[in-house]
Protein backbone atom coordinates (compact mmCIF):
# COMPACT_ATOMS: atom_id res chain seq x y z
CA UNK A 1 3.26 -21.96 35.19
CA UNK A 2 6.76 -21.73 33.77
CA UNK A 3 7.66 -24.21 31.03
CA UNK A 4 9.78 -24.98 28.03
CA UNK A 5 9.52 -23.33 24.64
CA UNK A 6 7.85 -26.43 23.22
CA UNK A 7 5.25 -26.56 25.98
CA UNK A 8 4.38 -22.89 25.61
CA UNK A 9 4.06 -23.12 21.84
CA UNK A 10 1.63 -26.04 22.24
CA UNK A 11 -0.57 -23.91 24.49
CA UNK A 12 -1.26 -24.14 28.22
CA UNK A 13 -4.50 -25.02 30.03
CA UNK A 14 -6.77 -21.98 30.25
CA UNK A 15 -8.82 -20.92 33.25
CA UNK A 16 -12.44 -19.70 33.52
CA UNK A 17 -14.48 -22.15 31.44
CA UNK A 18 -17.05 -24.87 31.94
CA UNK A 19 -18.68 -27.67 29.97
CA UNK A 20 -22.26 -27.06 28.83
CA UNK A 21 -25.07 -29.62 28.74
CA UNK A 22 -24.64 -30.08 24.99
CA UNK A 23 -20.95 -30.93 25.41
CA UNK A 24 -19.45 -27.65 24.28
CA UNK A 25 -16.90 -25.76 26.36
CA UNK A 26 -17.99 -22.24 27.31
CA UNK A 27 -15.34 -19.61 27.94
CA UNK A 28 -16.27 -17.61 31.05
CA UNK A 29 -13.53 -15.00 30.71
CA UNK A 30 -15.46 -12.27 28.88
CA UNK A 31 -19.07 -11.37 28.01
CA UNK A 32 -18.81 -13.08 24.62
CA UNK A 33 -19.08 -16.46 26.38
CA UNK A 34 -17.88 -18.38 23.31
CA UNK A 35 -19.06 -22.00 23.20
CA UNK A 36 -16.59 -24.27 21.47
CA UNK A 37 -16.68 -27.67 19.84
CA UNK A 38 -13.45 -29.63 19.53
CA UNK A 39 -10.67 -27.77 17.68
CA UNK A 40 -12.69 -24.55 17.52
CA UNK A 41 -11.25 -21.19 18.57
CA UNK A 42 -13.02 -18.41 20.45
CA UNK A 43 -13.72 -15.02 18.87
CA UNK A 44 -10.44 -13.73 20.31
CA UNK A 45 -8.74 -16.55 18.31
CA UNK A 46 -6.17 -17.31 21.03
CA UNK A 47 -8.39 -19.36 23.35
CA UNK A 48 -9.20 -22.73 21.85
CA UNK A 49 -10.67 -26.13 22.64
CA UNK A 50 -8.39 -29.13 22.51
CA UNK A 51 -10.16 -32.33 23.47
CA UNK A 52 -11.98 -31.73 26.73
CA UNK A 53 -9.99 -28.72 27.84
CA UNK A 54 -9.62 -25.09 26.86
CA UNK A 55 -6.13 -23.81 26.14
CA UNK A 56 -4.40 -20.45 25.73
CA UNK A 57 -2.35 -20.67 22.53
CA UNK A 58 -0.24 -17.52 23.04
CA UNK A 59 1.30 -18.17 26.46
CA UNK A 60 4.96 -17.17 26.31
CA UNK A 61 4.64 -15.67 22.83
CA UNK A 62 4.74 -11.99 21.96
CA UNK A 63 4.55 -9.68 18.98
CA UNK A 64 7.58 -7.85 20.39
CA UNK A 65 8.99 -5.94 23.37
CA UNK A 66 9.71 -2.20 23.68
CA UNK A 67 10.68 0.17 26.43
CA UNK A 68 8.31 3.15 26.44
CA UNK A 69 7.63 6.20 28.60
CA UNK A 70 4.80 5.41 31.03
CA UNK A 71 2.94 8.47 29.71
CA UNK A 72 2.46 6.65 26.40
CA UNK A 73 0.08 4.10 27.91
CA UNK A 74 -1.32 6.76 28.73
CA UNK A 75 -0.76 6.98 32.48
CA UNK A 76 -0.03 10.48 33.77
CA UNK A 77 -0.41 9.80 37.49
CA UNK A 78 1.59 6.58 37.80
CA UNK A 79 5.27 7.25 38.52
CA UNK A 80 5.62 10.06 35.94
CA UNK A 81 8.78 10.02 33.89
CA UNK A 82 9.45 6.32 34.46
CA UNK A 83 10.02 3.73 31.76
CA UNK A 84 7.84 0.69 31.14
CA UNK A 85 8.69 -2.56 29.37
CA UNK A 86 5.73 -3.11 27.02
CA UNK A 87 4.54 -6.16 25.15
CA UNK A 88 1.46 -7.81 23.70
CA UNK A 89 0.47 -10.99 21.93
CA UNK A 90 -2.13 -11.30 19.14
CA UNK A 91 -5.91 -11.29 18.88
CA UNK A 92 -8.67 -9.39 20.69
CA UNK A 93 -12.09 -10.10 22.16
CA UNK A 94 -13.63 -6.98 20.63
CA UNK A 95 -13.87 -6.19 16.93
CA UNK A 96 -13.50 -2.42 16.81
CA UNK A 97 -13.80 -1.05 13.28
CA UNK A 98 -11.51 1.84 14.26
CA UNK A 99 -8.74 -0.25 15.85
CA UNK A 100 -5.45 1.66 15.88
CA UNK A 101 -3.41 -1.53 16.45
CA UNK A 102 -5.36 -3.72 14.04
CA UNK A 103 -2.27 -5.41 12.56
CA UNK A 104 -1.65 -6.97 16.00
CA UNK A 105 -5.05 -7.22 17.64
CA UNK A 106 -6.84 -8.49 14.55
CA UNK A 107 -4.09 -10.85 13.50
CA UNK A 108 -4.76 -14.56 13.25
CA UNK A 109 -1.25 -15.17 12.05
CA UNK A 110 0.59 -16.85 14.91
CA UNK A 111 3.82 -16.52 12.95
CA UNK A 112 3.74 -12.83 13.90
CA UNK A 113 4.54 -13.92 17.45
CA UNK A 114 8.27 -14.20 16.95
CA UNK A 115 9.37 -13.26 20.49
CA UNK A 116 9.27 -15.89 23.23
CA UNK A 117 9.70 -15.15 26.92
CA UNK A 118 8.75 -16.71 30.23
CA UNK A 119 7.29 -14.51 32.96
CA UNK A 120 10.60 -14.71 34.85
CA UNK A 121 12.53 -13.61 31.77
CA UNK A 122 10.25 -10.59 31.35
CA UNK A 123 10.69 -9.57 34.99
CA UNK A 124 14.44 -10.05 34.68
CA UNK A 125 14.55 -7.89 31.55
CA UNK A 126 12.52 -5.10 33.18
CA UNK A 127 14.95 -5.02 36.10
CA UNK A 128 17.97 -5.14 33.79
CA UNK A 129 16.72 -2.23 31.68
CA UNK A 130 15.73 -0.17 34.74
CA UNK A 131 12.00 -0.13 33.96
CA UNK A 132 9.71 0.72 36.85
CA UNK A 133 6.92 -1.39 35.40
CA UNK A 134 5.83 -3.93 32.79
CA UNK A 135 2.81 -3.17 30.60
CA UNK A 136 0.51 -5.68 28.95
CA UNK A 137 -0.54 -3.68 25.90
CA UNK A 138 -0.72 -3.43 22.07
CA UNK A 139 -3.54 -5.97 22.16
CA UNK A 140 -5.86 -6.64 25.08
CA UNK A 141 -4.34 -8.55 28.02
CA UNK A 142 -7.79 -9.86 28.93
CA UNK A 143 -7.35 -12.61 26.34
CA UNK A 144 -3.91 -13.65 27.65
CA UNK A 145 -4.81 -13.16 31.29
CA UNK A 146 -3.01 -16.29 32.53
CA UNK A 147 0.26 -15.15 30.95
CA UNK A 148 -0.17 -11.59 32.23
CA UNK A 149 -0.98 -12.75 35.76
CA UNK A 150 1.99 -15.11 35.94
CA UNK A 151 4.20 -12.31 34.65
CA UNK A 152 2.78 -9.96 37.28
CA UNK A 153 3.72 -12.45 39.99
CA UNK A 154 7.24 -12.71 38.63
CA UNK A 155 7.53 -8.92 38.41
CA UNK A 156 6.34 -8.35 41.95
CA UNK A 157 9.03 -10.63 43.33
CA UNK A 158 11.55 -8.18 41.83
CA UNK A 159 9.71 -5.03 42.91
CA UNK A 160 8.52 -4.32 39.37
CA UNK A 161 5.05 -2.79 38.96
CA UNK A 162 2.51 -4.09 36.41
CA UNK A 163 0.19 -2.20 34.06
CA UNK A 164 -2.79 -3.36 31.99
CA UNK A 165 -3.84 -1.38 28.93
CA UNK A 166 -7.26 -2.77 28.15
CA UNK A 167 -10.76 -2.26 26.82
CA UNK A 168 -12.10 -3.75 30.05
CA UNK A 169 -14.34 -6.31 28.34
CA UNK A 170 -14.15 -9.00 30.99
CA UNK A 171 -16.49 -10.82 33.35
CA UNK A 172 -16.23 -9.60 36.93
CA UNK A 173 -15.21 -12.90 38.54
CA UNK A 174 -12.00 -13.36 36.53
CA UNK A 175 -11.50 -9.59 36.56
CA UNK A 176 -11.28 -9.58 40.35
CA UNK A 177 -8.44 -12.12 40.16
CA UNK A 178 -6.75 -10.30 37.27
CA UNK A 179 -6.82 -6.77 38.73
CA UNK A 180 -5.68 -8.01 42.12
CA UNK A 181 -2.32 -8.51 40.38
CA UNK A 182 -2.27 -5.21 38.47
CA UNK A 183 -0.80 -2.05 39.97
CA UNK A 184 -2.28 0.27 37.35
CA UNK A 185 -4.54 0.15 34.32
CA UNK A 186 -5.59 2.39 31.52
CA UNK A 187 -9.09 1.27 30.56
CA UNK A 188 -10.73 2.33 27.31
CA UNK A 189 -14.20 3.77 27.71
CA UNK A 190 -14.78 3.78 23.98
CA UNK A 191 -18.07 5.65 23.99
CA UNK A 192 -21.10 6.11 26.17
CA UNK A 193 -23.94 4.47 24.24
CA UNK A 194 -24.66 0.81 23.74
CA UNK A 195 -25.32 1.54 20.06
CA UNK A 196 -21.71 2.70 19.67
CA UNK A 197 -20.35 -0.45 21.30
CA UNK A 198 -22.71 -2.72 19.38
CA UNK A 199 -22.20 -1.19 15.95
CA UNK A 200 -18.51 -0.28 16.05
CA UNK A 201 -17.02 -2.73 18.60
CA UNK A 202 -19.41 -5.70 18.40
CA UNK A 203 -19.83 -5.55 22.15
CA UNK A 204 -21.84 -3.81 24.86
CA UNK A 205 -21.28 -0.81 27.14
CA UNK A 206 -22.60 -2.02 30.50
CA UNK A 207 -19.97 -4.73 31.14
CA UNK A 208 -17.26 -2.09 30.68
CA UNK A 209 -18.93 0.31 33.11
CA UNK A 210 -19.39 -2.49 35.65
CA UNK A 211 -15.73 -3.46 35.38
CA UNK A 212 -14.42 0.10 35.71
CA UNK A 213 -16.53 0.64 38.82
CA UNK A 214 -15.42 -2.68 40.32
CA UNK A 215 -11.72 -2.01 39.75
CA UNK A 216 -12.00 1.46 41.26
CA UNK A 217 -14.03 0.47 44.31
CA UNK A 218 -12.81 -3.05 45.08
CA UNK A 219 -9.11 -3.18 44.19
CA UNK A 220 -5.91 -1.23 44.84
CA UNK A 221 -5.23 -0.89 41.11
CA UNK A 222 -4.74 2.72 40.02
CA UNK A 223 -6.90 3.46 36.97
CA UNK A 224 -7.01 6.09 34.26
CA UNK A 225 -9.56 6.12 31.43
CA UNK A 226 -9.17 6.85 27.72
CA UNK A 227 -11.84 7.73 25.16
CA UNK A 228 -10.84 7.88 21.50
CA UNK A 229 -13.04 10.57 19.97
CA UNK A 230 -14.32 9.63 16.50
CA UNK A 231 -15.96 12.50 14.59
CA UNK A 232 -19.69 11.97 14.21
CA UNK A 233 -19.78 8.81 16.33
CA UNK A 234 -19.03 9.51 20.01
CA UNK A 235 -18.11 13.21 20.17
CA UNK A 236 -21.44 14.98 20.66
CA UNK A 237 -21.82 17.36 23.59
CA UNK A 238 -24.65 15.23 24.98
CA UNK A 239 -22.65 11.99 24.98
CA UNK A 240 -19.53 13.64 26.37
CA UNK A 241 -21.60 15.19 29.15
CA UNK A 242 -23.15 11.81 30.02
CA UNK A 243 -19.73 10.13 30.04
CA UNK A 244 -18.18 12.84 32.21
CA UNK A 245 -21.09 12.90 34.65
CA UNK A 246 -20.94 9.12 35.02
CA UNK A 247 -17.23 9.34 35.82
CA UNK A 248 -17.87 12.05 38.40
CA UNK A 249 -20.76 10.20 40.04
CA UNK A 250 -19.27 6.69 39.98
CA UNK A 251 -15.53 7.36 40.32
CA UNK A 252 -15.28 10.80 41.92
CA UNK A 253 -13.18 13.76 40.92
CA UNK A 254 -9.72 12.21 40.76
CA UNK A 255 -9.67 9.41 38.16
CA UNK A 256 -7.82 10.91 35.17
CA UNK A 257 -9.66 10.95 31.85
CA UNK A 258 -7.80 11.11 28.53
CA UNK A 259 -9.52 12.18 25.32
CA UNK A 260 -7.49 10.88 22.41
CA UNK A 261 -7.51 11.89 18.74
CA UNK A 262 -8.70 9.36 16.16
CA UNK A 263 -6.83 8.99 12.89
CA UNK A 264 -8.31 7.16 9.87
CA UNK A 265 -7.42 3.47 10.10
CA UNK A 266 -8.57 -0.10 9.63
CA UNK A 267 -12.23 -0.14 8.51
CA UNK A 268 -12.88 3.56 9.16
CA UNK A 269 -10.41 5.10 6.75
CA UNK A 270 -13.13 7.38 5.40
CA UNK A 271 -13.60 9.19 8.74
CA UNK A 272 -11.52 12.36 9.19
CA UNK A 273 -9.04 12.78 12.01
CA UNK A 274 -10.34 14.34 15.21
CA UNK A 275 -9.96 18.14 15.17
CA UNK A 276 -8.02 19.68 18.04
CA UNK A 277 -11.06 21.85 18.79
CA UNK A 278 -13.14 18.72 19.46
CA UNK A 279 -10.63 17.45 22.00
CA UNK A 280 -10.49 20.80 23.76
CA UNK A 281 -14.30 20.97 23.82
CA UNK A 282 -14.45 17.48 25.36
CA UNK A 283 -11.87 18.44 27.96
CA UNK A 284 -13.88 21.49 29.02
CA UNK A 285 -17.10 19.46 29.26
CA UNK A 286 -15.36 16.97 31.55
CA UNK A 287 -13.81 19.71 33.66
CA UNK A 288 -17.18 21.45 33.96
CA UNK A 289 -18.62 18.14 35.18
CA UNK A 290 -16.16 18.28 38.10
CA UNK A 291 -13.28 16.09 36.91
CA UNK A 292 -9.94 17.45 38.11
CA UNK A 293 -7.53 15.69 35.75
CA UNK A 294 -8.52 15.73 32.10
CA UNK A 295 -5.97 15.32 29.30
CA UNK A 296 -5.95 15.13 25.52
CA UNK A 297 -3.69 12.90 23.47
CA UNK A 298 -2.35 12.15 20.00
CA UNK A 299 -2.11 15.91 19.38
CA UNK A 300 0.20 18.67 20.55
CA UNK A 301 -1.24 20.72 23.41
CA UNK A 302 1.18 21.44 26.24
CA UNK A 303 -1.48 22.77 28.62
CA UNK A 304 -3.67 19.68 28.15
CA UNK A 305 -0.64 17.42 28.71
CA UNK A 306 0.19 19.07 32.04
CA UNK A 307 -1.03 18.10 35.51
CA UNK A 308 -2.18 21.09 37.55
CA UNK A 309 -2.72 21.24 41.29
CA UNK A 310 -6.49 21.42 41.90
CA UNK A 311 -5.98 23.83 44.82
CA UNK A 312 -3.33 26.38 43.83
CA UNK A 313 -3.56 25.63 40.06
CA UNK A 314 0.20 25.62 39.61
CA UNK A 315 1.64 23.00 37.23
CA UNK A 316 2.94 20.06 39.25
CA UNK A 317 3.95 17.89 36.27
CA UNK A 318 4.57 20.00 33.17
CA UNK A 319 4.60 17.92 29.96
CA UNK A 320 5.10 18.33 26.26
CA UNK A 321 3.98 15.12 24.58
CA UNK A 322 5.86 12.47 26.60
CA UNK A 323 8.60 14.81 27.79
CA UNK A 324 8.49 16.08 31.38
CA UNK A 325 9.55 19.72 31.47
CA UNK A 326 8.98 20.41 35.16
CA UNK A 327 8.18 18.38 38.27
CA UNK A 328 6.85 19.93 41.47
CA UNK A 329 5.66 17.01 43.60
CA UNK A 330 7.35 15.63 46.69
CA UNK A 331 7.97 11.90 47.10
CA UNK A 332 4.51 11.37 48.60
CA UNK A 333 2.75 13.08 45.69
CA UNK A 334 1.99 16.41 47.36
CA UNK A 335 2.17 19.74 45.53
CA UNK A 336 5.38 21.53 46.51
CA UNK A 337 3.59 24.88 46.27
CA UNK A 338 0.64 24.29 48.62
CA UNK A 339 1.06 20.68 49.84
CA UNK A 340 -2.22 19.46 48.34
CA UNK A 341 -2.11 15.67 47.71
CA UNK A 342 -2.35 14.77 44.01
CA UNK A 343 -4.21 11.57 43.22
CA UNK A 344 -2.02 8.79 41.82
CA UNK A 345 1.07 6.74 42.56
CA UNK A 346 4.28 8.67 43.06
CA UNK A 347 7.75 8.22 44.49
CA UNK A 348 11.21 9.68 44.30
CA UNK A 349 11.51 11.49 40.99
CA UNK A 350 14.46 10.34 38.93
CA UNK A 351 15.71 11.84 35.66
CA UNK A 352 12.81 11.18 33.26
CA UNK A 353 13.03 8.51 30.59
CA UNK A 354 11.85 10.92 27.89
CA UNK A 355 9.89 10.23 24.72
CA UNK A 356 12.12 7.59 23.15
CA UNK A 357 10.92 4.11 22.23
CA UNK A 358 13.50 1.32 22.45
CA UNK A 359 12.80 -2.12 20.93
CA UNK A 360 14.40 -4.95 22.90
CA UNK A 361 14.84 -8.68 22.43
CA UNK A 362 14.28 -11.21 25.20
CA UNK A 363 15.47 -14.80 25.42
CA UNK A 364 12.84 -17.37 26.39
CA UNK A 365 14.98 -18.91 29.12
CA UNK A 366 17.21 -17.08 31.57
């Protein structure tokens, strides 16, 4: 679906929609199922009706490109120490009151999208900068799925892996097509009650659970989960126990779970930051439920950053924030101490990228 700058800026035909009996066009991409009259936009703002077709207005347009450590996504079991070329667009199909990237995901200002790049240009840049993977992040790639999928195809022709950082709010039919092209994903499990999703995200819990289970059981995409803990809203022992037990029952012992610290932002500036003690309590609850790989983020805790072998309990990937201090896995992902296989995607360990963040500029055409 490559094209010129002018064609991309006009928007490209979208997938996953149908015409209703009353003449509106219904988007079938996510559970919102927005029904559009002519010239209306969906709740995500980037999918719109033009005449008798639905278009994606942000194809080929980005809010910017950066090279990050893969651990920042966060992905701790996907080629640790490697670099990832990251980018997003604008808009979102959820409306989280606590959004930590609200200036991008809530933006309706298309002028923010100053970077233009074709899928081939993105793949070329990832190879040129030595990035192991490309991440669709900053806002949710669900809403620019066509762009992300075309980019994934271009990346795979160059041996570049692809990563989705997403809230997982997507219908299962398009999700099966989307995740068939993703090598890894970090999926937000924002809470474990429908009230939380309804009141703070303007969405629902069950579609997210269904998607996580589908990706884990039906695709080859490696997944890790993240829950941002918001004091007084999703951090009770009872809710954390339910969340952890669901992960254990539905996903098994080996899907990594990250508990991340909230900081006051967007429409929840009156809520205090998450105490370190809350994150450590959540981690213990998840470990007690049987999960082997539980991490905490947005705070400094070297032990909770580190991957330990579940058999001999030695550190196999020692971390401090995004820095790798020690690496004791062989190329197949087995512990060098006792040869236990560690769940994830691993390969030959190269000198780690480190914690730096490097903004880069891409040209639209090669």
